[in-house]
């Protein structure tokens, strides 16, 4: 049976969060990747550099071989859903569904999302609006 874990976070800012209007979670997915690389670069609980690189690849940039020696993008073991929670666009709720082995990485995911909020989210001229983060929920599915 495939393990699935649902995590829900709320980002709040004193300023408007400038996320992609059509697909705001694409902005968050990019911020998540940068934050994960940042956390793994400074996380000392993973002793070997190649372990950190492999963890990033499995979690954020999986690839598969098509049998001809060519690598193809694989399916990420997570899905991000979310939306603004107020008309001023200063609050955003992000829900992550973690699948398979990623469902066992809740602590790492929390660290990455915290780093993402600290670094800031958004785009345009006001790139990287720092946010206060609150974890709303964590449950197996």
Protein backbone atom coordinates (compact mmCIF):
# COMPACT_ATOMS: atom_id res chain seq x y z
CA UNK A 1 0.00 0.00 0.00
CA UNK A 2 1.29 3.46 -0.91
CA UNK A 3 1.95 5.74 2.06
CA UNK A 4 0.36 9.18 1.69
CA UNK A 5 0.69 12.04 4.16
CA UNK A 6 -1.14 15.36 3.97
CA UNK A 7 0.55 18.46 5.41
CA UNK A 8 -1.09 21.89 5.55
CA UNK A 9 0.73 25.17 6.15
CA UNK A 10 -0.34 28.80 6.27
CA UNK A 11 1.92 31.62 5.08
CA UNK A 12 1.14 35.14 6.30
CA UNK A 13 2.81 38.40 5.41
CA UNK A 14 2.34 42.11 6.06
CA UNK A 15 2.62 42.59 2.29
CA UNK A 16 0.79 41.16 -0.70
CA UNK A 17 2.23 37.81 -1.78
CA UNK A 18 3.02 38.08 -5.47
CA UNK A 19 2.33 34.56 -6.65
CA UNK A 20 1.56 33.43 -10.18
CA UNK A 21 -2.06 34.48 -10.72
CA UNK A 22 -3.04 31.47 -12.82
CA UNK A 23 -1.10 28.81 -10.94
CA UNK A 24 0.17 30.16 -7.59
CA UNK A 25 1.50 26.77 -6.51
CA UNK A 26 4.07 26.85 -9.35
CA UNK A 27 5.73 29.79 -7.58
CA UNK A 28 5.72 27.81 -4.34
CA UNK A 29 7.16 24.71 -6.01
CA UNK A 30 10.13 26.77 -7.24
CA UNK A 31 10.62 28.32 -3.80
CA UNK A 32 10.41 24.83 -2.28
CA UNK A 33 13.22 23.57 -4.52
CA UNK A 34 15.54 26.46 -3.59
CA UNK A 35 14.72 26.04 0.10
CA UNK A 36 15.36 22.29 -0.04
CA UNK A 37 18.77 22.80 -1.65
CA UNK A 38 19.55 25.38 1.05
CA UNK A 39 18.48 23.11 3.93
CA UNK A 40 20.37 20.11 2.56
CA UNK A 41 23.52 22.18 2.08
CA UNK A 42 23.59 23.00 5.81
CA UNK A 43 21.92 19.92 7.32
CA UNK A 44 24.53 18.00 9.31
CA UNK A 45 22.43 14.90 10.08
CA UNK A 46 23.18 13.56 6.58
CA UNK A 47 26.88 12.76 6.80
CA UNK A 48 27.76 12.17 3.15
CA UNK A 49 27.40 14.78 0.40
CA UNK A 50 26.17 12.23 -2.14
CA UNK A 51 23.35 11.27 0.27
CA UNK A 52 22.15 14.87 0.23
CA UNK A 53 22.32 15.06 -3.55
CA UNK A 54 20.48 11.75 -3.90
CA UNK A 55 17.81 12.87 -1.44
CA UNK A 56 17.25 16.09 -3.42
CA UNK A 57 17.01 14.15 -6.68
CA UNK A 58 14.56 11.58 -5.30
CA UNK A 59 12.38 14.17 -3.62
CA UNK A 60 12.47 17.12 -5.99
CA UNK A 61 13.95 16.09 -9.33
CA UNK A 62 13.39 12.37 -9.89
CA UNK A 63 14.31 10.87 -13.23
CA UNK A 64 13.88 7.53 -14.87
CA UNK A 65 15.60 5.68 -17.68
CA UNK A 66 13.58 4.78 -20.76
CA UNK A 67 15.69 1.68 -21.44
CA UNK A 68 17.78 3.37 -24.15
CA UNK A 69 20.09 5.02 -21.66
CA UNK A 70 18.14 8.28 -21.88
CA UNK A 71 16.97 9.91 -18.66
CA UNK A 72 13.48 11.38 -18.41
CA UNK A 73 11.82 13.49 -15.76
CA UNK A 74 10.09 11.27 -13.24
CA UNK A 75 7.04 11.96 -11.13
CA UNK A 76 7.76 14.01 -8.02
CA UNK A 77 6.64 12.26 -4.84
CA UNK A 78 4.53 15.24 -3.79
CA UNK A 79 1.69 17.44 -4.96
CA UNK A 80 1.18 21.05 -3.88
CA UNK A 81 -2.28 22.59 -3.69
CA UNK A 82 -3.23 25.92 -2.27
CA UNK A 83 -4.89 29.26 -2.52
CA UNK A 84 -5.14 32.71 -1.04
CA UNK A 85 -7.18 32.87 2.15
CA UNK A 86 -7.98 36.57 2.15
CA UNK A 87 -8.80 39.20 -0.53
CA UNK A 88 -5.66 41.25 0.25
CA UNK A 89 -3.51 38.25 -0.84
CA UNK A 90 -1.42 38.45 2.35
CA UNK A 91 -2.29 34.94 3.47
CA UNK A 92 -1.92 31.69 1.56
CA UNK A 93 -2.63 28.12 2.57
CA UNK A 94 -0.43 25.42 1.06
CA UNK A 95 -1.33 21.76 1.26
CA UNK A 96 1.24 19.11 0.36
CA UNK A 97 0.48 15.49 -0.32
CA UNK A 98 3.60 13.36 0.14
CA UNK A 99 3.67 9.93 -1.52
CA UNK A 100 5.72 6.78 -0.88
CA UNK A 101 9.12 7.37 0.74
CA UNK A 102 8.51 11.13 0.81
CA UNK A 103 5.65 10.51 3.27
CA UNK A 104 8.33 9.48 5.78
CA UNK A 105 10.15 12.81 5.43
CA UNK A 106 7.74 15.07 7.32
CA UNK A 107 10.45 16.52 9.58
CA UNK A 108 12.64 17.40 6.60
CA UNK A 109 9.62 18.83 4.76
CA UNK A 110 8.82 21.01 7.79
CA UNK A 111 12.40 22.35 7.81
CA UNK A 112 12.25 23.06 4.09
CA UNK A 113 8.89 24.85 4.30
CA UNK A 114 10.16 26.90 7.29
CA UNK A 115 13.23 27.92 5.26
CA UNK A 116 10.96 28.78 2.33
CA UNK A 117 8.88 31.10 4.53
CA UNK A 118 12.01 32.74 6.01
CA UNK A 119 13.60 33.27 2.58
CA UNK A 120 10.32 34.60 1.27
CA UNK A 121 7.88 33.66 -1.43
CA UNK A 122 6.56 35.56 -4.40
CA UNK A 123 7.78 37.08 -7.59
CA UNK A 124 8.05 40.30 -9.51
CA UNK A 125 9.92 43.30 -8.12
CA UNK A 126 9.17 42.23 -4.56
CA UNK A 127 10.69 38.77 -4.89
CA UNK A 128 11.01 36.87 -1.67
CA UNK A 129 8.41 38.36 0.68
CA UNK A 130 9.24 36.82 4.09
CA UNK A 131 6.30 35.12 5.76
CA UNK A 132 5.21 33.91 9.14
CA UNK A 133 4.50 30.20 8.95
CA UNK A 134 2.01 28.10 10.82
CA UNK A 135 1.59 24.38 10.36
CA UNK A 136 -2.13 23.70 10.39
CA UNK A 137 -2.34 19.94 9.95
CA UNK A 138 -0.52 16.67 9.42
CA UNK A 139 -2.35 13.44 8.81
CA UNK A 140 -1.96 10.10 7.04
CA UNK A 141 -4.34 9.50 4.18
